[in-house]
PDB file of all heavy atoms in Angstrom:
ATOM      1  N   CYS A   1     122.910 168.766 101.721  1.00  0.00           N
ATOM      2  CA  CYS A   1     123.577 170.051 101.920  1.00  0.00           C
ATOM      3  C   CYS A   1     122.527 171.060 102.377  1.00  0.00           C
ATOM      4  O   CYS A   1     121.336 170.817 102.240  1.00  0.00           O
ATOM      5  CB  CYS A   1     124.270 170.516 100.639  1.00  0.00           C
ATOM      6  SG  CYS A   1     123.177 170.629  99.206  1.00  0.00           S
ATOM      7  N   LYS A   2     122.995 172.162 102.935  1.00  0.00           N
ATOM      8  CA  LYS A   2     122.052 173.180 103.388  1.00  0.00           C
ATOM      9  C   LYS A   2     122.751 174.528 103.449  1.00  0.00           C
ATOM     10  O   LYS A   2     123.979 174.621 103.418  1.00  0.00           O
ATOM     11  CB  LYS A   2     121.441 172.829 104.734  1.00  0.00           C
ATOM     12  CG  LYS A   2     122.421 172.886 105.890  1.00  0.00           C
ATOM     13  CD  LYS A   2     121.711 172.563 107.195  1.00  0.00           C
ATOM     14  CE  LYS A   2     122.630 172.739 108.381  1.00  0.00           C
ATOM     15  NZ  LYS A   2     121.933 172.565 109.644  1.00  0.00           N
ATOM     16  N   TRP A   3     121.956 175.552 103.551  1.00  0.00           N
ATOM     17  CA  TRP A   3     122.453 176.913 103.724  1.00  0.00           C
ATOM     18  C   TRP A   3     122.338 177.263 105.198  1.00  0.00           C
ATOM     19  O   TRP A   3     121.317 177.002 105.830  1.00  0.00           O
ATOM     20  CB  TRP A   3     121.624 177.901 102.900  1.00  0.00           C
ATOM     21  CG  TRP A   3     121.863 177.764 101.433  1.00  0.00           C
ATOM     22  CD1 TRP A   3     121.090 177.085 100.542  1.00  0.00           C
ATOM     23  CD2 TRP A   3     122.946 178.312 100.690  1.00  0.00           C
ATOM     24  NE1 TRP A   3     121.637 177.174  99.293  1.00  0.00           N
ATOM     25  CE2 TRP A   3     122.778 177.931  99.351  1.00  0.00           C
ATOM     26  CE3 TRP A   3     124.051 179.080 101.027  1.00  0.00           C
ATOM     27  CZ2 TRP A   3     123.669 178.291  98.349  1.00  0.00           C
ATOM     28  CZ3 TRP A   3     124.934 179.453 100.030  1.00  0.00           C
ATOM     29  CH2 TRP A   3     124.744 179.061  98.714  1.00  0.00           C
ATOM     30  N   VAL A   4     123.389 177.851 105.749  1.00  0.00           N
ATOM     31  CA  VAL A   4     123.381 178.319 107.139  1.00  0.00           C
ATOM     32  C   VAL A   4     123.439 179.842 107.090  1.00  0.00           C
ATOM     33  O   VAL A   4     124.316 180.411 106.440  1.00  0.00           O
ATOM     34  CB  VAL A   4     124.593 177.766 107.923  1.00  0.00           C
ATOM     35  CG1 VAL A   4     124.609 178.310 109.331  1.00  0.00           C
ATOM     36  CG2 VAL A   4     124.560 176.243 107.930  1.00  0.00           C
ATOM     37  N   PHE A   5     122.498 180.495 107.754  1.00  0.00           N
ATOM     38  CA  PHE A   5     122.396 181.951 107.716  1.00  0.00           C
ATOM     39  C   PHE A   5     122.797 182.556 109.052  1.00  0.00           C
ATOM     40  O   PHE A   5     122.459 182.018 110.108  1.00  0.00           O
ATOM     41  CB  PHE A   5     120.972 182.374 107.365  1.00  0.00           C
ATOM     42  CG  PHE A   5     120.509 181.849 106.044  1.00  0.00           C
ATOM     43  CD1 PHE A   5     119.666 180.752 105.967  1.00  0.00           C
ATOM     44  CD2 PHE A   5     120.937 182.434 104.860  1.00  0.00           C
ATOM     45  CE1 PHE A   5     119.248 180.255 104.744  1.00  0.00           C
ATOM     46  CE2 PHE A   5     120.525 181.949 103.636  1.00  0.00           C
ATOM     47  CZ  PHE A   5     119.683 180.852 103.583  1.00  0.00           C
ATOM     48  N   ARG A   6     123.497 183.666 108.985  1.00  0.00           N
ATOM     49  CA  ARG A   6     123.921 184.392 110.185  1.00  0.00           C
ATOM     50  C   ARG A   6     123.732 185.873 109.977  1.00  0.00           C
ATOM     51  O   ARG A   6     123.838 186.375 108.857  1.00  0.00           O
ATOM     52  CB  ARG A   6     125.403 184.159 110.428  1.00  0.00           C
ATOM     53  CG  ARG A   6     125.707 182.906 111.151  1.00  0.00           C
ATOM     54  CD  ARG A   6     127.016 183.108 111.861  1.00  0.00           C
ATOM     55  NE  ARG A   6     127.055 182.130 112.923  1.00  0.00           N
ATOM     56  CZ  ARG A   6     128.113 181.474 113.248  1.00  0.00           C
ATOM     57  NH1 ARG A   6     129.243 181.711 112.642  1.00  0.00           N
ATOM     58  NH2 ARG A   6     128.079 180.600 114.207  1.00  0.00           N
ATOM     59  N   ILE A   7     123.504 186.547 111.084  1.00  0.00           N
ATOM     60  CA  ILE A   7     123.470 188.008 111.067  1.00  0.00           C
ATOM     61  C   ILE A   7     124.729 188.482 111.774  1.00  0.00           C
ATOM     62  O   ILE A   7     124.955 188.147 112.940  1.00  0.00           O
ATOM     63  CB  ILE A   7     122.218 188.552 111.769  1.00  0.00           C
ATOM     64  CG1 ILE A   7     120.953 188.050 111.067  1.00  0.00           C
ATOM     65  CG2 ILE A   7     122.259 190.076 111.815  1.00  0.00           C
ATOM     66  CD1 ILE A   7     119.667 188.410 111.786  1.00  0.00           C
ATOM     67  N   LYS A   8     125.570 189.211 111.072  1.00  0.00           N
ATOM     68  CA  LYS A   8     126.792 189.761 111.653  1.00  0.00           C
ATOM     69  C   LYS A   8     126.478 191.141 112.202  1.00  0.00           C
ATOM     70  O   LYS A   8     125.831 191.951 111.539  1.00  0.00           O
ATOM     71  CB  LYS A   8     127.901 189.864 110.594  1.00  0.00           C
ATOM     72  CG  LYS A   8     128.356 188.519 110.079  1.00  0.00           C
ATOM     73  CD  LYS A   8     129.091 187.795 111.171  1.00  0.00           C
ATOM     74  CE  LYS A   8     129.812 186.580 110.636  1.00  0.00           C
ATOM     75  NZ  LYS A   8     130.692 185.988 111.585  1.00  0.00           N
ATOM     76  N   HIS A   9     126.949 191.408 113.425  1.00  0.00           N
ATOM     77  CA  HIS A   9     126.662 192.677 114.092  1.00  0.00           C
ATOM     78  C   HIS A   9     127.929 193.513 114.291  1.00  0.00           C
ATOM     79  O   HIS A   9     129.020 192.969 114.427  1.00  0.00           O
ATOM     80  CB  HIS A   9     126.025 192.427 115.458  1.00  0.00           C
ATOM     81  CG  HIS A   9     124.670 191.819 115.382  1.00  0.00           C
ATOM     82  ND1 HIS A   9     124.455 190.460 115.379  1.00  0.00           N
ATOM     83  CD2 HIS A   9     123.451 192.385 115.294  1.00  0.00           C
ATOM     84  CE1 HIS A   9     123.155 190.221 115.307  1.00  0.00           C
ATOM     85  NE2 HIS A   9     122.516 191.374 115.249  1.00  0.00           N
ATOM     86  N   HIS A  10     127.740 194.807 114.339  1.00  0.00           N
ATOM     87  CA  HIS A  10     128.796 195.731 114.728  1.00  0.00           C
ATOM     88  C   HIS A  10     128.942 195.661 116.254  1.00  0.00           C
ATOM     89  O   HIS A  10     128.043 195.152 116.944  1.00  0.00           O
ATOM     90  CB  HIS A  10     128.434 197.175 114.333  1.00  0.00           C
ATOM     91  CG  HIS A  10     128.450 197.422 112.861  1.00  0.00           C
ATOM     92  ND1 HIS A  10     129.600 197.482 112.124  1.00  0.00           N
ATOM     93  CD2 HIS A  10     127.433 197.623 111.985  1.00  0.00           C
ATOM     94  CE1 HIS A  10     129.313 197.724 110.860  1.00  0.00           C
ATOM     95  NE2 HIS A  10     128.002 197.804 110.747  1.00  0.00           N
ATOM     96  N   PRO A  11     130.030 196.170 116.816  1.00  0.00           N
ATOM     97  CA  PRO A  11     130.185 196.157 118.282  1.00  0.00           C
ATOM     98  C   PRO A  11     129.039 196.847 119.026  1.00  0.00           C
ATOM     99  O   PRO A  11     128.744 196.502 120.171  1.00  0.00           O
ATOM    100  CB  PRO A  11     131.499 196.900 118.509  1.00  0.00           C
ATOM    101  CG  PRO A  11     132.276 196.686 117.255  1.00  0.00           C
ATOM    102  CD  PRO A  11     131.240 196.662 116.154  1.00  0.00           C
ATOM    103  N   ASP A  12     128.367 197.802 118.378  1.00  0.00           N
ATOM    104  CA  ASP A  12     127.254 198.484 119.039  1.00  0.00           C
ATOM    105  C   ASP A  12     125.922 197.769 118.837  1.00  0.00           C
ATOM    106  O   ASP A  12     124.856 198.324 119.098  1.00  0.00           O
ATOM    107  CB  ASP A  12     127.162 199.937 118.564  1.00  0.00           C
ATOM    108  CG  ASP A  12     126.799 200.046 117.090  1.00  0.00           C
ATOM    109  OD1 ASP A  12     126.692 198.997 116.405  1.00  0.00           O
ATOM    110  OD2 ASP A  12     126.624 201.188 116.617  1.00  0.00           O
ATOM    111  N   SER A  13     125.953 196.530 118.352  1.00  0.00           N
ATOM    112  CA  SER A  13     124.786 195.656 118.153  1.00  0.00           C
ATOM    113  C   SER A  13     123.942 195.984 116.934  1.00  0.00           C
ATOM    114  O   SER A  13     122.911 195.351 116.713  1.00  0.00           O
ATOM    115  CB  SER A  13     123.886 195.620 119.390  1.00  0.00           C
ATOM    116  OG  SER A  13     124.614 195.101 120.488  1.00  0.00           O
ATOM    117  N   THR A  14     124.331 196.974 116.138  1.00  0.00           N
ATOM    118  CA  THR A  14     123.596 197.219 114.895  1.00  0.00           C
ATOM    119  C   THR A  14     124.016 196.158 113.873  1.00  0.00           C
ATOM    120  O   THR A  14     125.095 195.585 113.951  1.00  0.00           O
ATOM    121  CB  THR A  14     123.877 198.632 114.337  1.00  0.00           C
ATOM    122  OG1 THR A  14     125.288 198.755 114.097  1.00  0.00           O
ATOM    123  CG2 THR A  14     123.413 199.703 115.304  1.00  0.00           C
ATOM    124  N   ILE A  15     123.151 195.927 112.907  1.00  0.00           N
ATOM    125  CA  ILE A  15     123.415 194.889 111.909  1.00  0.00           C
ATOM    126  C   ILE A  15     124.468 195.356 110.915  1.00  0.00           C
ATOM    127  O   ILE A  15     124.351 196.422 110.323  1.00  0.00           O
ATOM    128  CB  ILE A  15     122.115 194.498 111.177  1.00  0.00           C
ATOM    129  CG1 ILE A  15     121.159 193.831 112.169  1.00  0.00           C
ATOM    130  CG2 ILE A  15     122.414 193.573 110.007  1.00  0.00           C
ATOM    131  CD1 ILE A  15     119.808 193.488 111.609  1.00  0.00           C
ATOM    132  N   ASP A  16     125.502 194.542 110.764  1.00  0.00           N
ATOM    133  CA  ASP A  16     126.575 194.813 109.811  1.00  0.00           C
ATOM    134  C   ASP A  16     126.200 194.239 108.446  1.00  0.00           C
ATOM    135  O   ASP A  16     126.201 194.931 107.438  1.00  0.00           O
ATOM    136  CB  ASP A  16     127.881 194.200 110.311  1.00  0.00           C
ATOM    137  CG  ASP A  16     129.038 194.354 109.337  1.00  0.00           C
ATOM    138  OD1 ASP A  16     129.003 195.273 108.510  1.00  0.00           O
ATOM    139  OD2 ASP A  16     129.984 193.552 109.420  1.00  0.00           O
ATOM    140  N   ARG A  17     125.875 192.943 108.419  1.00  0.00           N
ATOM    141  CA  ARG A  17     125.508 192.293 107.168  1.00  0.00           C
ATOM    142  C   ARG A  17     124.854 190.952 107.444  1.00  0.00           C
ATOM    143  O   ARG A  17     124.926 190.423 108.548  1.00  0.00           O
ATOM    144  CB  ARG A  17     126.734 192.093 106.288  1.00  0.00           C
ATOM    145  CG  ARG A  17     127.787 191.202 106.879  1.00  0.00           C
ATOM    146  CD  ARG A  17     129.063 191.227 106.046  1.00  0.00           C
ATOM    147  NE  ARG A  17     130.169 190.767 106.828  1.00  0.00           N
ATOM    148  CZ  ARG A  17     130.759 189.588 106.663  1.00  0.00           C
ATOM    149  NH1 ARG A  17     130.331 188.763 105.744  1.00  0.00           N
ATOM    150  NH2 ARG A  17     131.774 189.245 107.425  1.00  0.00           N
ATOM    151  N   PHE A  18     124.233 190.427 106.420  1.00  0.00           N
ATOM    152  CA  PHE A  18     123.646 189.101 106.483  1.00  0.00           C
ATOM    153  C   PHE A  18     124.597 188.160 105.751  1.00  0.00           C
ATOM    154  O   PHE A  18     125.062 188.471 104.665  1.00  0.00           O
ATOM    155  CB  PHE A  18     122.263 189.084 105.824  1.00  0.00           C
ATOM    156  CG  PHE A  18     121.275 189.965 106.519  1.00  0.00           C
ATOM    157  CD1 PHE A  18     121.031 191.243 106.059  1.00  0.00           C
ATOM    158  CD2 PHE A  18     120.607 189.511 107.641  1.00  0.00           C
ATOM    159  CE1 PHE A  18     120.130 192.072 106.705  1.00  0.00           C
ATOM    160  CE2 PHE A  18     119.698 190.330 108.292  1.00  0.00           C
ATOM    161  CZ  PHE A  18     119.457 191.608 107.823  1.00  0.00           C
ATOM    162  N   LYS A  19     124.885 187.013 106.349  1.00  0.00           N
ATOM    163  CA  LYS A  19     125.865 186.111 105.772  1.00  0.00           C
ATOM    164  C   LYS A  19     125.233 184.746 105.540  1.00  0.00           C
ATOM    165  O   LYS A  19     124.509 184.232 106.394  1.00  0.00           O
ATOM    166  CB  LYS A  19     127.069 185.986 106.706  1.00  0.00           C
ATOM    167  CG  LYS A  19     128.186 185.165 106.155  1.00  0.00           C
ATOM    168  CD  LYS A  19     129.390 185.209 107.076  1.00  0.00           C
ATOM    169  CE  LYS A  19     130.518 184.400 106.472  1.00  0.00           C
ATOM    170  NZ  LYS A  19     131.699 184.394 107.312  1.00  0.00           N
ATOM    171  N   ALA A  20     125.521 184.154 104.382  1.00  0.00           N
ATOM    172  CA  ALA A  20     125.058 182.808 104.066  1.00  0.00           C
ATOM    173  C   ALA A  20     126.272 181.924 103.860  1.00  0.00           C
ATOM    174  O   ALA A  20     127.244 182.320 103.233  1.00  0.00           O
ATOM    175  CB  ALA A  20     124.203 182.823 102.811  1.00  0.00           C
ATOM    176  N   CYS A  21     126.207 180.727 104.395  1.00  0.00           N
ATOM    177  CA  CYS A  21     127.305 179.778 104.251  1.00  0.00           C
ATOM    178  C   CYS A  21     126.722 178.452 103.770  1.00  0.00           C
ATOM    179  O   CYS A  21     125.720 177.969 104.302  1.00  0.00           O
ATOM    180  CB  CYS A  21     128.006 179.603 105.596  1.00  0.00           C
ATOM    181  SG  CYS A  21     129.410 178.514 105.526  1.00  0.00           S
ATOM    182  N   PHE A  22     127.334 177.886 102.765  1.00  0.00           N
ATOM    183  CA  PHE A  22     126.877 176.625 102.205  1.00  0.00           C
ATOM    184  C   PHE A  22     127.676 175.482 102.826  1.00  0.00           C
ATOM    185  O   PHE A  22     128.902 175.511 102.829  1.00  0.00           O
ATOM    186  CB  PHE A  22     127.075 176.654 100.683  1.00  0.00           C
ATOM    187  CG  PHE A  22     126.690 175.389 100.007  1.00  0.00           C
ATOM    188  CD1 PHE A  22     125.366 175.022  99.928  1.00  0.00           C
ATOM    189  CD2 PHE A  22     127.642 174.563  99.473  1.00  0.00           C
ATOM    190  CE1 PHE A  22     125.003 173.852  99.310  1.00  0.00           C
ATOM    191  CE2 PHE A  22     127.300 173.384  98.851  1.00  0.00           C
ATOM    192  CZ  PHE A  22     125.967 173.025  98.772  1.00  0.00           C
ATOM    193  N   VAL A  23     126.994 174.488 103.386  1.00  0.00           N
ATOM    194  CA  VAL A  23     127.677 173.373 104.047  1.00  0.00           C
ATOM    195  C   VAL A  23     127.106 172.036 103.590  1.00  0.00           C
ATOM    196  O   VAL A  23     125.927 171.922 103.274  1.00  0.00           O
ATOM    197  CB  VAL A  23     127.583 173.470 105.589  1.00  0.00           C
ATOM    198  CG1 VAL A  23     128.279 174.704 106.108  1.00  0.00           C
ATOM    199  CG2 VAL A  23     126.139 173.444 106.051  1.00  0.00           C
ATOM    200  N   ALA A  24     127.982 171.038 103.561  1.00  0.00           N
ATOM    201  CA  ALA A  24     127.555 169.667 103.283  1.00  0.00           C
ATOM    202  C   ALA A  24     127.148 169.025 104.601  1.00  0.00           C
ATOM    203  O   ALA A  24     127.745 169.293 105.641  1.00  0.00           O
ATOM    204  CB  ALA A  24     128.691 168.884 102.637  1.00  0.00           C
ATOM    205  N   LYS A  25     126.128 168.185 104.563  1.00  0.00           N
ATOM    206  CA  LYS A  25     125.669 167.492 105.765  1.00  0.00           C
ATOM    207  C   LYS A  25     126.422 166.171 105.902  1.00  0.00           C
ATOM    208  O   LYS A  25     125.913 165.105 105.579  1.00  0.00           O
ATOM    209  CB  LYS A  25     124.166 167.206 105.677  1.00  0.00           C
ATOM    210  CG  LYS A  25     123.294 168.430 105.668  1.00  0.00           C
ATOM    211  CD  LYS A  25     121.847 167.972 105.563  1.00  0.00           C
ATOM    212  CE  LYS A  25     120.883 169.110 105.488  1.00  0.00           C
ATOM    213  NZ  LYS A  25     119.501 168.623 105.353  1.00  0.00           N
TER     214      LYS A  25
END
């Protein structure tokens, strides 16, 4: 398993939030 990280952005390209998702391999 692993953690997948993403940066979510607002329409103006500023950072909205950091998101972590846990997935099975």
